[in-house]
Amino acid sequence: MRRVLLPQHISDQLAPPGAAIRDLRGLSMGTSWSVRLVDAAMPGRAGSADLQQGLQQQLDLVVAQMSHWSEDSDLGRFNRAEPGSWHSLPAAFCEVLEFAMQVAQASGGAYDPCAGALVNLWGFGPSHRYDEPGFLPPKHDTVALLQSQRQRRRLELDLPARRARQPGGLQLDLSAIAKGYGVDRLARYLDSQGIGHYLVEVGGELRGAGSKPDGQPWWVMLEQVDGAEAGQQPAEMMLALHGLSVATSGDYRRFFQDGTARFSHTIDPRSGMPIANQLASVTVVHAQCMAADAWSTALTVLGAEAGMALAEEQGLAARFLQRDGRGYREFLSSHMLAMLDE
């Protein structure tokens, strides 16, 4: 059985019948990006080469400002800065960091953009990685020491002046929100070019607007859990991406095993440990892909019960897949249930 999710609000602006669909793609953030757009002939509209360049520039800006893989990024320079120093933040960086801190506060620290040192400690950062020879998971006392240090290294933000203070040793990591923000930037760029019918994707995070020339929305399948056998999965769920974004956080994407222990790349900043709450994935549907990206991570860390409570409190459309020993149990928030076409 295949279930269908529909947006609550549908625009009456349809794509021109018979118009062609143009495909553009490229690489960024260690992954790929793609755009499908309805190519309605308009005077002054950019050609494919100009659009390709403009789209790539949007993602290049995100990397230049927010990549924790590049020492030359604004984030990389902040992470290496002297204790007590204040730093001016570019507009995009400030926008993303401000929203990330809001999610951190609302989730009680289940999501924390200031937890980069923990991510690095567990081998999921740019160096001393879990997939390199000789890597060993950190000992409990090492984790405890880092956690105590993090309590003393609080980020100070001066939003009106668009600046932040490095307390010393604080490591920002925006990897759980940057791809979603990249999707939003691509969408904004297309809007600025007078293109209103498109499907944008960066590393599996998606945003759609308008419709296809045949009048259909941009249909996408919600991500299923990798490695699950047929029959163990819940029924497939299709989403009409019309003025909506979707992001999925899953513990099956990156992990390592040490003996019988399995360590997910999703770290709980509150405990300093990889999550072990049996949640396989959380999908969030939201108008902003940045929000869907960050919230899916926060809800994954919280687990099914606390995550569902927060999803309801925040009015989020969320789908939880939890392992139950035989397969997967599915939980849908009330906003996600409202989108089901039954």
Protein backbone atom coordinates (compact mmCIF):
# COMPACT_ATOMS: atom_id res chain seq x y z
CA MET A 1 0.00 0.00 0.00
CA ARG A 2 1.26 3.49 -0.85
CA ARG A 3 0.05 6.46 1.18
CA VAL A 4 -0.05 10.06 -0.02
CA LEU A 5 0.74 13.31 1.80
CA LEU A 6 -0.76 16.54 0.46
CA PRO A 7 0.01 20.17 1.35
CA GLN A 8 -2.56 22.07 3.36
CA HIS A 9 -2.33 25.09 1.05
CA ILE A 10 -2.26 24.85 -2.75
CA SER A 11 -1.42 27.73 -5.06
CA ASP A 12 -3.60 28.31 -8.13
CA GLN A 13 -0.52 29.31 -10.18
CA LEU A 14 0.03 26.44 -12.62
CA ALA A 15 3.03 25.81 -14.84
CA PRO A 16 2.47 26.55 -18.54
CA PRO A 17 1.10 23.39 -20.23
CA GLY A 18 3.58 21.83 -22.61
CA ALA A 19 6.60 23.68 -21.22
CA ALA A 20 9.87 21.75 -21.07
CA ILE A 21 11.53 20.60 -17.83
CA ARG A 22 15.19 21.58 -17.52
CA ASP A 23 17.64 19.61 -15.34
CA LEU A 24 20.72 21.15 -13.74
CA ARG A 25 23.12 19.48 -11.30
CA GLY A 26 26.48 19.83 -9.62
CA LEU A 27 28.59 19.04 -6.55
CA SER A 28 28.85 20.79 -3.18
CA MET A 29 29.21 20.07 0.56
CA GLY A 30 30.70 16.65 -0.13
CA THR A 31 27.56 15.57 -1.97
CA SER A 32 25.54 16.36 -5.10
CA TRP A 33 22.81 18.86 -5.86
CA SER A 34 20.13 18.88 -8.53
CA VAL A 35 17.42 21.21 -9.78
CA ARG A 36 14.44 20.40 -12.01
CA LEU A 37 12.66 23.48 -13.27
CA VAL A 38 9.90 24.31 -15.70
CA ASP A 39 11.48 26.18 -18.59
CA ALA A 40 8.79 28.67 -19.60
CA ALA A 41 10.16 31.08 -22.22
CA MET A 42 10.42 34.57 -20.73
CA PRO A 43 12.29 37.61 -22.07
CA GLY A 44 15.49 38.22 -20.12
CA ARG A 45 15.52 34.84 -18.39
CA ALA A 46 18.99 33.40 -17.82
CA GLY A 47 20.17 30.54 -20.01
CA SER A 48 21.28 27.15 -18.69
CA ALA A 49 24.94 28.13 -18.28
CA ASP A 50 24.07 31.31 -16.34
CA LEU A 51 21.56 29.47 -14.15
CA GLN A 52 24.08 26.69 -13.47
CA GLN A 53 26.67 29.24 -12.41
CA GLY A 54 24.20 31.19 -10.28
CA LEU A 55 23.00 28.08 -8.48
CA GLN A 56 26.52 26.84 -7.84
CA GLN A 57 27.48 30.24 -6.43
CA GLN A 58 24.69 29.97 -3.85
CA LEU A 59 26.14 26.73 -2.48
CA ASP A 60 29.73 27.96 -2.78
CA LEU A 61 28.74 30.81 -0.44
CA VAL A 62 27.37 28.34 2.13
CA VAL A 63 30.61 26.34 2.00
CA ALA A 64 32.79 29.46 2.23
CA GLN A 65 30.94 30.65 5.32
CA MET A 66 29.81 27.50 7.16
CA SER A 67 31.95 24.49 6.25
CA HIS A 68 33.63 22.81 9.23
CA TRP A 69 35.72 20.83 6.73
CA SER A 70 37.54 23.95 5.54
CA GLU A 71 39.92 25.86 7.78
CA ASP A 72 39.50 28.85 5.47
CA SER A 73 35.72 29.11 5.98
CA ASP A 74 34.31 31.74 8.32
CA LEU A 75 33.29 28.94 10.65
CA GLY A 76 36.75 27.36 10.48
CA ARG A 77 38.41 30.66 11.39
CA PHE A 78 35.99 31.18 14.29
CA ASN A 79 36.70 27.68 15.63
CA ARG A 80 40.47 28.45 15.71
CA ALA A 81 40.12 31.96 17.08
CA GLU A 82 41.70 33.28 20.27
CA PRO A 83 39.74 32.98 23.53
CA GLY A 84 37.63 36.04 24.24
CA SER A 85 37.74 37.37 20.67
CA TRP A 86 34.69 38.81 18.95
CA HIS A 87 34.03 38.07 15.26
CA SER A 88 31.79 39.71 12.69
CA LEU A 89 29.55 37.15 10.98
CA PRO A 90 28.45 37.23 7.33
CA ALA A 91 24.69 37.62 6.92
CA ALA A 92 23.99 34.02 5.86
CA PHE A 93 26.16 32.55 8.62
CA CYS A 94 24.40 34.72 11.20
CA GLU A 95 20.95 33.75 9.88
CA VAL A 96 21.71 30.03 10.13
CA LEU A 97 23.44 30.24 13.52
CA GLU A 98 20.58 32.28 15.00
CA PHE A 99 18.01 29.70 13.90
CA ALA A 100 20.22 26.82 15.06
CA MET A 101 20.45 28.36 18.53
CA GLN A 102 16.66 28.75 18.62
CA VAL A 103 16.23 25.02 17.90
CA ALA A 104 18.89 24.25 20.51
CA GLN A 105 16.96 26.18 23.15
CA ALA A 106 13.56 24.77 22.17
CA SER A 107 14.89 21.20 22.19
CA GLY A 108 16.58 21.51 25.57
CA GLY A 109 19.99 21.02 23.98
CA ALA A 110 19.10 17.87 22.03
CA TYR A 111 20.36 19.79 19.03
CA ASP A 112 23.38 22.01 19.57
CA PRO A 113 25.45 23.77 16.87
CA CYS A 114 28.15 24.28 19.52
CA ALA A 115 28.78 20.52 19.87
CA GLY A 116 31.42 20.28 17.15
CA ALA A 117 34.10 19.11 19.59
CA LEU A 118 31.90 16.13 20.51
CA VAL A 119 31.31 15.26 16.86
CA ASN A 120 35.06 15.38 16.27
CA LEU A 121 35.79 13.29 19.36
CA TRP A 122 33.55 10.49 18.08
CA GLY A 123 35.27 10.45 14.70
CA PHE A 124 32.58 12.12 12.61
CA GLY A 125 34.44 15.38 11.96
CA PRO A 126 36.97 16.29 9.29
CA SER A 127 39.98 14.60 10.96
CA HIS A 128 40.76 11.54 13.13
CA ARG A 129 37.75 9.89 11.56
CA TYR A 130 36.04 6.67 12.56
CA ASP A 131 36.79 5.14 9.15
CA GLU A 132 40.55 5.73 9.40
CA PRO A 133 42.96 2.97 10.55
CA GLY A 134 43.64 2.94 14.28
CA PHE A 135 40.53 4.86 15.35
CA LEU A 136 39.15 3.90 18.76
CA PRO A 137 35.96 5.25 20.35
CA PRO A 138 36.65 7.68 23.21
CA LYS A 139 36.61 6.46 26.80
CA HIS A 140 33.90 7.63 29.17
CA ASP A 141 36.26 9.81 31.20
CA THR A 142 37.40 11.58 28.01
CA VAL A 143 33.79 12.30 27.10
CA ALA A 144 33.05 13.49 30.64
CA LEU A 145 36.05 15.85 30.57
CA LEU A 146 34.98 17.36 27.26
CA GLN A 147 31.43 17.80 28.55
CA SER A 148 32.67 19.67 31.60
CA GLN A 149 34.78 21.90 29.35
CA ARG A 150 31.78 22.59 27.11
CA GLN A 151 29.82 23.86 30.10
CA ARG A 152 32.43 26.60 30.51
CA ARG A 153 32.62 27.44 26.79
CA ARG A 154 29.39 29.26 26.12
CA LEU A 155 28.76 31.03 22.83
CA GLU A 156 27.87 34.71 23.07
CA LEU A 157 25.86 36.16 20.20
CA ASP A 158 25.32 39.86 19.54
CA LEU A 159 22.65 39.59 16.85
CA PRO A 160 22.00 43.32 16.30
CA ALA A 161 25.72 43.78 15.58
CA ARG A 162 25.89 40.41 13.80
CA ARG A 163 28.87 39.13 15.75
CA ALA A 164 29.84 36.24 18.03
CA ARG A 165 32.39 35.72 20.80
CA GLN A 166 34.74 32.75 20.86
CA PRO A 167 35.11 31.74 24.53
CA GLY A 168 38.09 29.52 23.71
CA GLY A 169 38.01 26.04 22.24
CA LEU A 170 34.35 26.17 21.19
CA GLN A 171 33.78 24.26 17.96
CA LEU A 172 30.76 25.21 15.86
CA ASP A 173 29.30 22.53 13.59
CA LEU A 174 26.41 23.48 11.29
CA SER A 175 26.42 20.25 9.28
CA ALA A 176 22.93 19.31 10.53
CA ILE A 177 21.42 22.48 9.08
CA ALA A 178 23.70 23.71 6.27
CA LYS A 179 22.39 21.39 3.56
CA GLY A 180 18.83 22.43 4.29
CA TYR A 181 19.86 26.07 4.19
CA GLY A 182 21.59 25.39 0.87
CA VAL A 183 18.31 24.07 -0.51
CA ASP A 184 16.55 27.23 0.65
CA ARG A 185 19.19 29.41 -1.01
CA LEU A 186 18.77 27.59 -4.32
CA ALA A 187 15.01 28.10 -4.08
CA ARG A 188 15.42 31.81 -3.31
CA TYR A 189 17.74 32.20 -6.27
CA LEU A 190 15.25 30.54 -8.63
CA ASP A 191 12.49 32.78 -7.27
CA SER A 192 14.69 35.83 -7.93
CA GLN A 193 15.07 34.70 -11.55
CA GLY A 194 11.30 34.57 -12.04
CA ILE A 195 11.23 30.76 -11.90
CA GLY A 196 8.30 29.57 -9.80
CA HIS A 197 8.02 25.88 -10.66
CA TYR A 198 10.92 23.71 -9.51
CA LEU A 199 12.22 20.83 -7.42
CA VAL A 200 15.52 21.43 -5.60
CA GLU A 201 17.65 18.77 -3.91
CA VAL A 202 20.94 18.85 -1.99
CA GLY A 203 22.21 15.58 -0.55
CA GLY A 204 18.72 14.14 -0.22
CA GLU A 205 17.05 17.22 1.31
CA LEU A 206 14.34 18.61 -0.98
CA ARG A 207 12.12 21.61 -1.61
CA GLY A 208 9.44 22.00 -4.26
CA ALA A 209 7.39 24.89 -5.60
CA GLY A 210 4.62 25.21 -8.16
CA SER A 211 3.82 22.27 -10.42
CA LYS A 212 4.97 20.36 -13.46
CA PRO A 213 3.65 21.22 -16.95
CA ASP A 214 1.15 18.35 -16.75
CA GLY A 215 -0.43 19.98 -13.69
CA GLN A 216 0.96 17.40 -11.27
CA PRO A 217 2.95 18.46 -8.19
CA TRP A 218 6.53 17.37 -7.64
CA TRP A 219 6.02 13.92 -6.14
CA VAL A 220 8.78 12.51 -3.92
CA MET A 221 9.01 9.35 -1.84
CA LEU A 222 9.77 9.72 1.86
CA GLU A 223 13.10 8.10 2.64
CA GLN A 224 12.90 4.53 3.88
CA VAL A 225 15.42 2.87 6.19
CA ASP A 226 18.45 1.46 4.43
CA GLY A 227 19.09 -2.23 4.99
CA ALA A 228 15.55 -3.08 6.08
CA GLU A 229 14.03 -6.12 4.40
CA ALA A 230 10.85 -5.79 2.37
CA GLY A 231 7.94 -6.44 4.67
CA GLN A 232 9.72 -4.88 7.63
CA GLN A 233 9.24 -1.39 6.25
CA PRO A 234 6.08 0.65 6.83
CA ALA A 235 4.06 1.31 3.69
CA GLU A 236 5.65 3.73 1.23
CA MET A 237 4.63 7.34 1.63
CA MET A 238 4.58 9.86 -1.22
CA LEU A 239 4.63 13.61 -0.65
CA ALA A 240 3.47 16.36 -2.98
CA LEU A 241 6.25 18.92 -2.59
CA HIS A 242 4.26 22.05 -3.32
CA GLY A 243 5.57 24.97 -1.29
CA LEU A 244 7.16 22.50 1.11
CA SER A 245 10.52 21.04 2.07
CA VAL A 246 11.41 17.64 3.49
CA ALA A 247 14.47 16.39 5.39
CA THR A 248 15.27 13.05 7.02
CA SER A 249 17.72 12.27 9.80
CA GLY A 250 18.70 8.60 10.06
CA ASP A 251 21.14 6.67 12.26
CA TYR A 252 21.81 4.19 9.43
CA ARG A 253 23.61 6.72 7.24
CA ARG A 254 26.93 6.84 9.10
CA PHE A 255 27.96 4.67 12.01
CA PHE A 256 30.73 2.39 13.17
CA GLN A 257 30.88 -0.77 15.27
CA ASP A 258 33.33 -1.64 18.03
CA GLY A 259 32.80 -5.27 18.87
CA THR A 260 29.06 -5.64 19.36
CA ALA A 261 28.53 -1.94 20.11
CA ARG A 262 27.09 0.23 17.34
CA PHE A 263 27.80 3.96 17.40
CA SER A 264 25.61 6.33 15.37
CA HIS A 265 26.92 9.58 13.90
CA THR A 266 24.06 11.39 15.65
CA ILE A 267 25.45 12.55 18.99
CA ASP A 268 23.31 13.58 21.96
CA PRO A 269 24.95 16.83 23.12
CA ARG A 270 23.35 16.43 26.54
CA SER A 271 25.13 13.15 27.34
CA GLY A 272 28.05 13.39 24.92
CA MET A 273 27.21 9.93 23.59
CA PRO A 274 25.86 8.65 20.27
CA ILE A 275 22.10 8.08 20.40
CA ALA A 276 20.84 4.64 21.39
CA ASN A 277 17.06 5.21 21.49
CA GLN A 278 16.10 2.72 18.72
CA LEU A 279 14.97 5.52 16.41
CA ALA A 280 16.00 4.62 12.87
CA SER A 281 14.88 7.87 11.23
CA VAL A 282 12.84 11.03 11.60
CA THR A 283 11.39 12.92 8.63
CA VAL A 284 10.14 16.49 8.97
CA VAL A 285 8.07 18.39 6.39
CA HIS A 286 8.28 22.18 6.67
CA ALA A 287 8.06 25.29 4.51
CA GLN A 288 11.79 25.92 5.16
CA CYS A 289 14.31 23.19 4.43
CA MET A 290 16.70 24.68 6.99
CA ALA A 291 14.03 24.13 9.64
CA ALA A 292 13.20 20.61 8.44
CA ASP A 293 16.91 19.72 8.55
CA ALA A 294 17.57 21.01 12.06
CA TRP A 295 14.33 19.76 13.58
CA SER A 296 14.76 16.24 12.16
CA THR A 297 18.09 16.02 14.00
CA ALA A 298 16.67 17.37 17.27
CA LEU A 299 13.71 14.97 17.19
CA THR A 300 16.01 12.04 16.40
CA VAL A 301 18.11 12.76 19.48
CA LEU A 302 15.03 13.14 21.71
CA GLY A 303 13.56 9.76 20.72
CA ALA A 304 10.03 8.82 19.78
CA GLU A 305 8.17 9.87 22.95
CA ALA A 306 9.91 13.14 23.81
CA GLY A 307 10.40 13.90 20.11
CA MET A 308 6.70 13.50 19.40
CA ALA A 309 5.83 15.77 22.33
CA LEU A 310 8.14 18.48 20.98
CA ALA A 311 6.82 18.04 17.43
CA GLU A 312 3.29 18.62 18.70
CA GLU A 313 4.40 21.62 20.77
CA GLN A 314 6.16 23.18 17.78
CA GLY A 315 3.46 22.29 15.25
CA LEU A 316 5.81 20.13 13.18
CA ALA A 317 4.77 17.56 10.59
CA ALA A 318 7.01 14.65 11.60
CA ARG A 319 7.28 10.92 10.94
CA PHE A 320 9.23 8.66 13.32
CA LEU A 321 10.45 5.16 12.44
CA GLN A 322 11.50 3.14 15.48
CA ARG A 323 13.02 -0.33 15.61
CA ASP A 324 10.96 -2.81 17.63
CA GLY A 325 12.98 -6.01 17.25
CA ARG A 326 10.96 -7.45 14.36
CA GLY A 327 10.77 -4.46 12.07
CA TYR A 328 9.80 -0.81 12.41
CA ARG A 329 7.00 1.02 14.16
CA GLU A 330 5.79 4.26 12.65
CA PHE A 331 4.56 7.32 14.56
CA LEU A 332 3.08 10.40 12.87
CA SER A 333 2.55 13.78 14.49
CA SER A 334 -0.92 15.33 14.22
CA HIS A 335 0.31 17.80 11.57
CA MET A 336 1.66 14.93 9.49
CA LEU A 337 -1.59 13.00 9.95
CA ALA A 338 -3.50 16.06 8.70
CA MET A 339 -1.58 15.83 5.43
CA LEU A 340 -2.56 12.19 4.78
CA ASP A 341 -4.95 11.79 1.86
CA GLU A 342 -7.35 9.14 3.16
